[in-house]
Amino acid sequence: MSDASPTSSEAEYVLRAMHGVATANGRRVALPIERELLLLVQRTLLRTSLDVDDLAPVSPRELRSRMPGPDLRVWLVRCAVVVPYVSLEVEPAKVAAADALAMQLAIAPELLRELHAYRMRLAQRVAHDQARRGARLLLTVHSSSAARGLAATLRAHQGDPVLAARHRTLASLPPGSLGRALYEFHRAHGLPLPGEPGALDESLVGRDLLRLLGGFAFDDAGEAELIGFVAGLERLPMGRRLVLEALAEICTAAHLSGALACGNSPRLDLATLGAAYDRGVAASADLAHAWPWWSVLGEDVAALRLRYGLRVARRTRRVAGERRAKASRAA
């Protein structure tokens, strides 16, 4: 990572602040997914061995004295704001606890609003993605109105026949074309096409196409690679902020998919994330913003990779090679 890590003392206060948000409003313990987030942040970013189940409360006075630098204070608040959103409950009491921390540390209100808006956009995208995979968004009495509105939208959506019909035409495109690959990707994984019930709109299509062009698998490891790749395309700095975003996203996905309930804790390989990020930086930035992907769906995937400077992920090439070898042996 390109930015300096906090000292062991500073790391302790980051974890204590996050734990304080997770246990706001009289909660005695953090939610399981919040605990997983704390463990991942500790293991991946902070490199401490504290017992996250036995973190003492921290007062604003302690934070102000122990986190004197503005950069460290912003970093602590970034970590704290992640907590209310990781379960998608977005409990108001936890949002208020994170806001109180920000106020005590003199964080600019504009930055705080930006952090909350970004977290909600990310939560909506992850929820939409997991919903089309069959996950259900479960709410509690503590859930915010924003989370309830998102769940209601997902439940009420009946589809868009015109949009769905347009995407079904991709099946007639030549084999090897990007549009045909997109259609086959949805059908192979049992995903509804945009416009079909279960898929709200085309908001996930650009990301699916980047997955196909980059050769990222449709699994947890592939998702982590895609996060790094997109960050590289957008020329975001490769540092602890990006790693925090990746941790938050994989935790939320694990929570919604039921992986956590099955005993599968989320994991993040920093080397893999960094390699995917480098591939994104090396690729054309044209893919990052307002990419007119409908105009290239009829073109060959291999030709598009050359145009955009994309290298296929090694893991995908290895899996493809193993499949070819098995097919050859079977023949």
Protein backbone atom coordinates (compact mmCIF):
# COMPACT_ATOMS: atom_id res chain seq x y z
CA MET A 1 0.00 0.00 0.00
CA SER A 2 1.24 3.45 -0.85
CA ASP A 3 0.19 5.29 2.33
CA ALA A 4 1.60 4.82 5.81
CA SER A 5 -0.11 2.45 8.22
CA PRO A 6 -1.09 3.72 11.68
CA THR A 7 1.01 2.80 14.69
CA SER A 8 -0.16 -0.01 16.96
CA SER A 9 -1.56 2.57 19.40
CA GLU A 10 -3.43 4.41 16.63
CA ALA A 11 -4.70 1.10 15.23
CA GLU A 12 -6.22 0.29 18.61
CA TYR A 13 -8.20 3.53 18.60
CA VAL A 14 -9.45 2.88 15.06
CA LEU A 15 -10.79 -0.51 16.15
CA ARG A 16 -12.28 0.89 19.34
CA ALA A 17 -14.05 3.62 17.39
CA MET A 18 -15.46 1.09 14.89
CA HIS A 19 -16.55 -1.17 17.73
CA GLY A 20 -18.23 1.79 19.44
CA VAL A 21 -20.31 2.44 16.32
CA ALA A 22 -21.22 -1.26 16.02
CA THR A 23 -22.43 -1.33 19.64
CA ALA A 24 -24.28 1.99 19.58
CA ASN A 25 -27.76 2.36 21.01
CA GLY A 26 -27.13 -0.01 23.89
CA ARG A 27 -26.10 -3.04 21.85
CA ARG A 28 -23.83 -5.33 23.89
CA VAL A 29 -22.12 -7.00 20.95
CA ALA A 30 -21.52 -6.21 17.29
CA LEU A 31 -23.48 -8.01 14.58
CA PRO A 32 -21.62 -11.06 13.22
CA ILE A 33 -20.85 -9.32 9.92
CA GLU A 34 -19.61 -6.23 11.78
CA ARG A 35 -17.33 -8.45 13.84
CA GLU A 36 -16.01 -10.02 10.62
CA LEU A 37 -15.34 -6.53 9.26
CA LEU A 38 -13.37 -5.60 12.38
CA LEU A 39 -11.35 -8.81 12.13
CA LEU A 40 -10.59 -8.20 8.45
CA VAL A 41 -9.60 -4.57 9.03
CA GLN A 42 -7.38 -5.63 11.91
CA ARG A 43 -5.74 -8.48 10.03
CA THR A 44 -5.39 -6.83 6.62
CA LEU A 45 -4.82 -3.16 7.39
CA LEU A 46 -3.89 -2.62 11.01
CA ARG A 47 -1.77 -5.70 11.67
CA THR A 48 -2.65 -5.93 15.37
CA SER A 49 -3.63 -8.87 17.57
CA LEU A 50 -6.23 -7.21 19.77
CA ASP A 51 -9.29 -9.12 20.94
CA VAL A 52 -12.08 -7.44 18.97
CA ASP A 53 -14.64 -8.89 21.39
CA ASP A 54 -13.04 -7.11 24.33
CA LEU A 55 -12.45 -3.59 23.04
CA ALA A 56 -13.00 -0.85 25.59
CA PRO A 57 -15.18 2.16 24.75
CA VAL A 58 -13.27 5.24 23.64
CA SER A 59 -14.12 8.82 24.55
CA PRO A 60 -13.96 11.77 22.16
CA ARG A 61 -11.28 13.30 24.38
CA GLU A 62 -9.10 10.20 24.00
CA LEU A 63 -9.53 10.23 20.23
CA ARG A 64 -8.60 13.89 19.94
CA SER A 65 -5.43 13.37 21.96
CA ARG A 66 -4.41 10.03 20.42
CA MET A 67 -5.24 10.90 16.80
CA PRO A 68 -3.80 14.41 16.45
CA GLY A 69 -3.14 14.46 12.70
CA PRO A 70 -5.95 15.40 10.27
CA ASP A 71 -5.15 12.50 7.94
CA LEU A 72 -5.41 9.96 10.76
CA ARG A 73 -8.68 11.49 11.90
CA VAL A 74 -10.18 11.27 8.42
CA TRP A 75 -8.98 7.68 8.16
CA LEU A 76 -10.61 6.78 11.50
CA VAL A 77 -13.91 8.33 10.40
CA ARG A 78 -13.77 6.49 7.06
CA CYS A 79 -13.45 3.23 8.97
CA ALA A 80 -16.24 4.16 11.38
CA VAL A 81 -18.68 5.15 8.61
CA VAL A 82 -18.26 1.75 6.94
CA VAL A 83 -19.75 -0.05 9.95
CA PRO A 84 -23.45 0.98 9.68
CA TYR A 85 -23.60 -0.04 6.02
CA VAL A 86 -21.83 -3.40 5.99
CA SER A 87 -24.99 -5.30 7.01
CA LEU A 88 -27.22 -3.06 4.85
CA GLU A 89 -29.39 -2.33 7.89
CA VAL A 90 -27.94 1.20 8.08
CA GLU A 91 -29.27 1.54 11.60
CA PRO A 92 -29.85 5.26 12.36
CA ALA A 93 -28.28 4.99 15.83
CA LYS A 94 -25.05 3.69 14.29
CA VAL A 95 -25.03 6.40 11.64
CA ALA A 96 -25.48 8.95 14.43
CA ALA A 97 -22.61 7.42 16.39
CA ALA A 98 -20.30 7.70 13.36
CA ASP A 99 -21.43 11.29 12.80
CA ALA A 100 -20.72 12.15 16.44
CA LEU A 101 -17.18 10.85 16.05
CA ALA A 102 -16.71 12.99 12.96
CA MET A 103 -17.97 16.09 14.76
CA GLN A 104 -15.68 15.50 17.74
CA LEU A 105 -12.70 15.15 15.39
CA ALA A 106 -13.62 18.28 13.41
CA ILE A 107 -14.22 16.46 10.12
CA ALA A 108 -15.72 18.73 7.46
CA PRO A 109 -19.49 18.18 7.09
CA GLU A 110 -19.10 18.07 3.30
CA LEU A 111 -16.69 15.14 3.55
CA LEU A 112 -18.97 13.32 5.98
CA ARG A 113 -21.95 13.69 3.63
CA GLU A 114 -19.80 12.42 0.78
CA LEU A 115 -18.76 9.36 2.80
CA HIS A 116 -22.37 8.48 3.64
CA ALA A 117 -23.55 9.01 0.04
CA TYR A 118 -20.77 6.81 -1.31
CA ARG A 119 -21.51 4.05 1.20
CA MET A 120 -25.21 4.08 0.29
CA ARG A 121 -24.46 3.90 -3.46
CA LEU A 122 -22.13 0.97 -2.86
CA ALA A 123 -24.70 -0.76 -0.64
CA GLN A 124 -27.36 -0.37 -3.34
CA ARG A 125 -25.10 -1.85 -6.02
CA VAL A 126 -24.06 -4.82 -3.88
CA ALA A 127 -27.68 -5.43 -2.84
CA HIS A 128 -28.83 -5.33 -6.48
CA ASP A 129 -26.07 -7.72 -7.51
CA GLN A 130 -26.81 -10.18 -4.72
CA ALA A 131 -30.58 -9.93 -5.30
CA ARG A 132 -30.22 -11.06 -8.90
CA ARG A 133 -28.20 -14.02 -7.59
CA GLY A 134 -31.13 -14.99 -5.39
CA ALA A 135 -30.19 -13.37 -2.06
CA ARG A 136 -32.92 -11.80 0.07
CA LEU A 137 -32.47 -8.47 1.78
CA LEU A 138 -33.50 -9.05 5.40
CA LEU A 139 -34.41 -6.06 7.55
CA THR A 140 -34.90 -5.57 11.28
CA VAL A 141 -36.72 -3.04 13.42
CA HIS A 142 -33.47 -1.06 13.50
CA SER A 143 -33.15 -0.71 9.71
CA SER A 144 -33.17 2.77 8.21
CA SER A 145 -35.78 4.15 5.83
CA ALA A 146 -33.19 4.07 3.03
CA ALA A 147 -32.61 0.34 3.53
CA ARG A 148 -36.35 -0.31 3.69
CA GLY A 149 -36.87 1.66 0.49
CA LEU A 150 -34.22 -0.38 -1.30
CA ALA A 151 -35.75 -3.65 -0.14
CA ALA A 152 -39.21 -2.50 -1.22
CA THR A 153 -37.92 -1.58 -4.68
CA LEU A 154 -36.30 -4.98 -5.12
CA ARG A 155 -39.46 -6.80 -4.00
CA ALA A 156 -41.85 -4.75 -6.11
CA HIS A 157 -39.90 -4.82 -9.36
CA GLN A 158 -41.83 -6.79 -11.99
CA GLY A 159 -39.49 -6.26 -14.89
CA ASP A 160 -39.22 -4.13 -18.02
CA PRO A 161 -40.33 -6.19 -21.05
CA VAL A 162 -38.88 -3.76 -23.59
CA LEU A 163 -35.45 -3.72 -21.96
CA ALA A 164 -35.50 -7.48 -21.48
CA ALA A 165 -36.38 -8.04 -25.16
CA ARG A 166 -33.49 -5.84 -26.22
CA HIS A 167 -31.03 -7.89 -24.19
CA ARG A 168 -32.42 -11.17 -25.48
CA THR A 169 -31.42 -10.09 -29.00
CA LEU A 170 -27.79 -10.43 -27.88
CA ALA A 171 -28.20 -14.19 -28.27
CA SER A 172 -28.20 -13.72 -32.05
CA LEU A 173 -24.82 -11.97 -32.13
CA PRO A 174 -21.80 -13.95 -33.44
CA PRO A 175 -20.02 -16.33 -31.05
CA GLY A 176 -17.01 -14.59 -29.53
CA SER A 177 -18.66 -11.18 -29.58
CA LEU A 178 -18.93 -9.21 -26.35
CA GLY A 179 -22.74 -9.07 -26.50
CA ARG A 180 -23.04 -12.82 -27.03
CA ALA A 181 -20.62 -13.38 -24.14
CA LEU A 182 -22.77 -11.13 -21.94
CA TYR A 183 -25.94 -13.04 -22.82
CA GLU A 184 -24.25 -16.39 -22.20
CA PHE A 185 -22.78 -15.13 -18.93
CA HIS A 186 -26.27 -14.37 -17.60
CA ARG A 187 -27.75 -17.66 -18.74
CA ALA A 188 -24.79 -19.78 -17.56
CA HIS A 189 -25.04 -18.37 -14.03
CA GLY A 190 -28.82 -18.29 -13.86
CA LEU A 191 -28.91 -14.50 -13.70
CA PRO A 192 -31.89 -12.52 -15.02
CA LEU A 193 -31.15 -10.27 -17.96
CA PRO A 194 -31.65 -6.54 -17.43
CA GLY A 195 -35.38 -5.92 -17.57
CA GLU A 196 -36.31 -9.44 -16.45
CA PRO A 197 -37.79 -9.87 -12.94
CA GLY A 198 -34.95 -9.77 -10.43
CA ALA A 199 -32.78 -7.33 -12.39
CA LEU A 200 -33.79 -3.72 -11.93
CA ASP A 201 -32.04 -2.07 -14.85
CA GLU A 202 -28.74 -1.91 -16.72
CA SER A 203 -26.73 -0.47 -13.83
CA LEU A 204 -24.69 -3.68 -13.41
CA VAL A 205 -24.05 -4.31 -17.12
CA GLY A 206 -20.92 -2.16 -17.39
CA ARG A 207 -19.36 -4.01 -14.47
CA ASP A 208 -20.33 -7.39 -15.96
CA LEU A 209 -18.69 -6.42 -19.24
CA LEU A 210 -15.49 -5.41 -17.45
CA ARG A 211 -15.56 -8.80 -15.76
CA LEU A 212 -15.81 -10.51 -19.15
CA LEU A 213 -13.16 -8.39 -20.83
CA GLY A 214 -10.78 -8.76 -17.91
CA GLY A 215 -11.41 -12.49 -17.58
CA PHE A 216 -12.42 -12.40 -13.93
CA ALA A 217 -14.22 -15.42 -12.54
CA PHE A 218 -17.73 -15.15 -11.11
CA ASP A 219 -16.70 -16.08 -7.57
CA ASP A 220 -15.41 -14.36 -4.43
CA ALA A 221 -11.82 -14.17 -5.67
CA GLY A 222 -12.98 -12.80 -9.02
CA GLU A 223 -15.08 -10.16 -7.28
CA ALA A 224 -12.06 -8.97 -5.31
CA GLU A 225 -10.01 -8.80 -8.52
CA LEU A 226 -12.76 -6.81 -10.21
CA ILE A 227 -12.76 -4.28 -7.36
CA GLY A 228 -9.03 -3.70 -7.82
CA PHE A 229 -9.30 -3.61 -11.60
CA VAL A 230 -12.06 -0.98 -11.60
CA ALA A 231 -10.08 1.13 -9.12
CA GLY A 232 -7.10 0.99 -11.46
CA LEU A 233 -9.24 2.00 -14.43
CA GLU A 234 -10.50 4.99 -12.48
CA ARG A 235 -6.91 5.83 -11.47
CA LEU A 236 -7.74 5.79 -7.77
CA PRO A 237 -4.71 5.62 -5.45
CA MET A 238 -3.72 2.11 -4.41
CA GLY A 239 -3.62 2.40 -0.63
CA ARG A 240 -5.47 1.65 2.56
CA ARG A 241 -8.58 3.50 1.37
CA LEU A 242 -8.99 1.14 -1.58
CA VAL A 243 -8.35 -1.88 0.65
CA LEU A 244 -10.99 -0.65 3.11
CA GLU A 245 -13.52 -0.31 0.28
CA ALA A 246 -12.71 -3.82 -0.91
CA LEU A 247 -13.08 -5.23 2.60
CA ALA A 248 -16.44 -3.52 3.06
CA GLU A 249 -17.74 -4.80 -0.28
CA ILE A 250 -16.70 -8.43 0.19
CA CYS A 251 -18.13 -8.41 3.74
CA THR A 252 -21.50 -7.11 2.58
CA ALA A 253 -21.60 -9.64 -0.26
CA ALA A 254 -20.73 -12.48 2.13
CA HIS A 255 -23.44 -11.34 4.51
CA LEU A 256 -26.15 -11.16 1.83
CA SER A 257 -25.18 -14.37 0.06
CA GLY A 258 -25.35 -16.37 3.28
CA ALA A 259 -21.69 -17.34 3.10
CA LEU A 260 -21.06 -16.07 6.62
CA ALA A 261 -23.93 -18.15 8.00
CA CYS A 262 -22.31 -21.21 6.42
CA GLY A 263 -19.04 -20.54 8.21
CA ASN A 264 -17.22 -19.07 5.21
CA SER A 265 -15.47 -15.94 6.44
CA PRO A 266 -14.61 -13.34 3.78
CA ARG A 267 -10.97 -13.11 2.76
CA LEU A 268 -8.94 -10.62 0.72
CA ASP A 269 -5.59 -11.38 -0.92
CA LEU A 270 -3.72 -8.08 -1.17
CA ALA A 271 -1.32 -9.39 -3.80
CA THR A 272 -4.19 -10.41 -6.07
CA LEU A 273 -5.97 -7.11 -5.47
CA GLY A 274 -2.77 -5.21 -6.33
CA ALA A 275 -2.16 -7.21 -9.50
CA ALA A 276 -5.70 -6.54 -10.72
CA TYR A 277 -5.27 -2.86 -9.87
CA ASP A 278 -2.08 -2.70 -11.97
CA ARG A 279 -3.92 -4.25 -14.90
CA GLY A 280 -6.59 -1.59 -14.59
CA VAL A 281 -4.02 1.20 -14.57
CA ALA A 282 -2.38 -0.26 -17.68
CA ALA A 283 -5.71 -0.44 -19.54
CA SER A 284 -7.45 2.37 -21.37
CA ALA A 285 -9.20 4.87 -19.11
CA ASP A 286 -11.99 5.02 -21.73
CA LEU A 287 -13.57 2.10 -19.88
CA ALA A 288 -13.84 4.02 -16.62
CA HIS A 289 -16.43 6.70 -17.28
CA ALA A 290 -19.40 6.92 -19.65
CA TRP A 291 -18.21 3.94 -21.70
CA PRO A 292 -20.68 3.51 -24.60
CA TRP A 293 -20.72 -0.26 -24.28
CA TRP A 294 -23.83 -0.80 -26.40
CA SER A 295 -21.83 0.41 -29.42
CA VAL A 296 -19.24 -2.40 -29.09
CA LEU A 297 -21.39 -5.40 -28.13
CA GLY A 298 -21.18 -6.79 -31.65
CA GLU A 299 -17.36 -6.73 -31.68
CA ASP A 300 -15.03 -9.62 -30.92
CA VAL A 301 -13.87 -9.91 -27.30
CA ALA A 302 -10.25 -10.60 -28.25
CA ALA A 303 -10.15 -7.57 -30.54
CA LEU A 304 -11.62 -5.37 -27.81
CA ARG A 305 -9.01 -6.56 -25.33
CA LEU A 306 -6.29 -5.48 -27.73
CA ARG A 307 -7.96 -2.10 -28.30
CA TYR A 308 -8.30 -1.39 -24.59
CA GLY A 309 -4.94 -2.80 -23.55
CA LEU A 310 -6.41 -5.54 -21.38
CA ARG A 311 -4.57 -8.63 -20.19
CA VAL A 312 -6.64 -11.65 -19.21
CA ALA A 313 -6.26 -12.75 -15.59
CA ARG A 314 -3.79 -15.60 -15.18
CA ARG A 315 -6.16 -17.54 -12.95
CA THR A 316 -8.80 -17.54 -15.71
CA ARG A 317 -6.28 -18.67 -18.33
CA ARG A 318 -5.18 -21.51 -16.05
CA VAL A 319 -8.77 -22.65 -15.45
CA ALA A 320 -9.48 -22.49 -19.19
CA GLY A 321 -6.36 -24.55 -19.85
CA GLU A 322 -7.43 -27.18 -17.33
CA ARG A 323 -10.85 -27.39 -18.99
CA ARG A 324 -9.26 -27.84 -22.42
CA ALA A 325 -6.98 -30.56 -21.05
CA LYS A 326 -9.93 -32.41 -19.50
CA ALA A 327 -11.88 -32.15 -22.76
CA SER A 328 -8.89 -33.51 -24.67
CA ARG A 329 -8.53 -36.45 -22.31
CA ALA A 330 -12.25 -37.18 -22.51
CA ALA A 331 -12.09 -37.18 -26.30
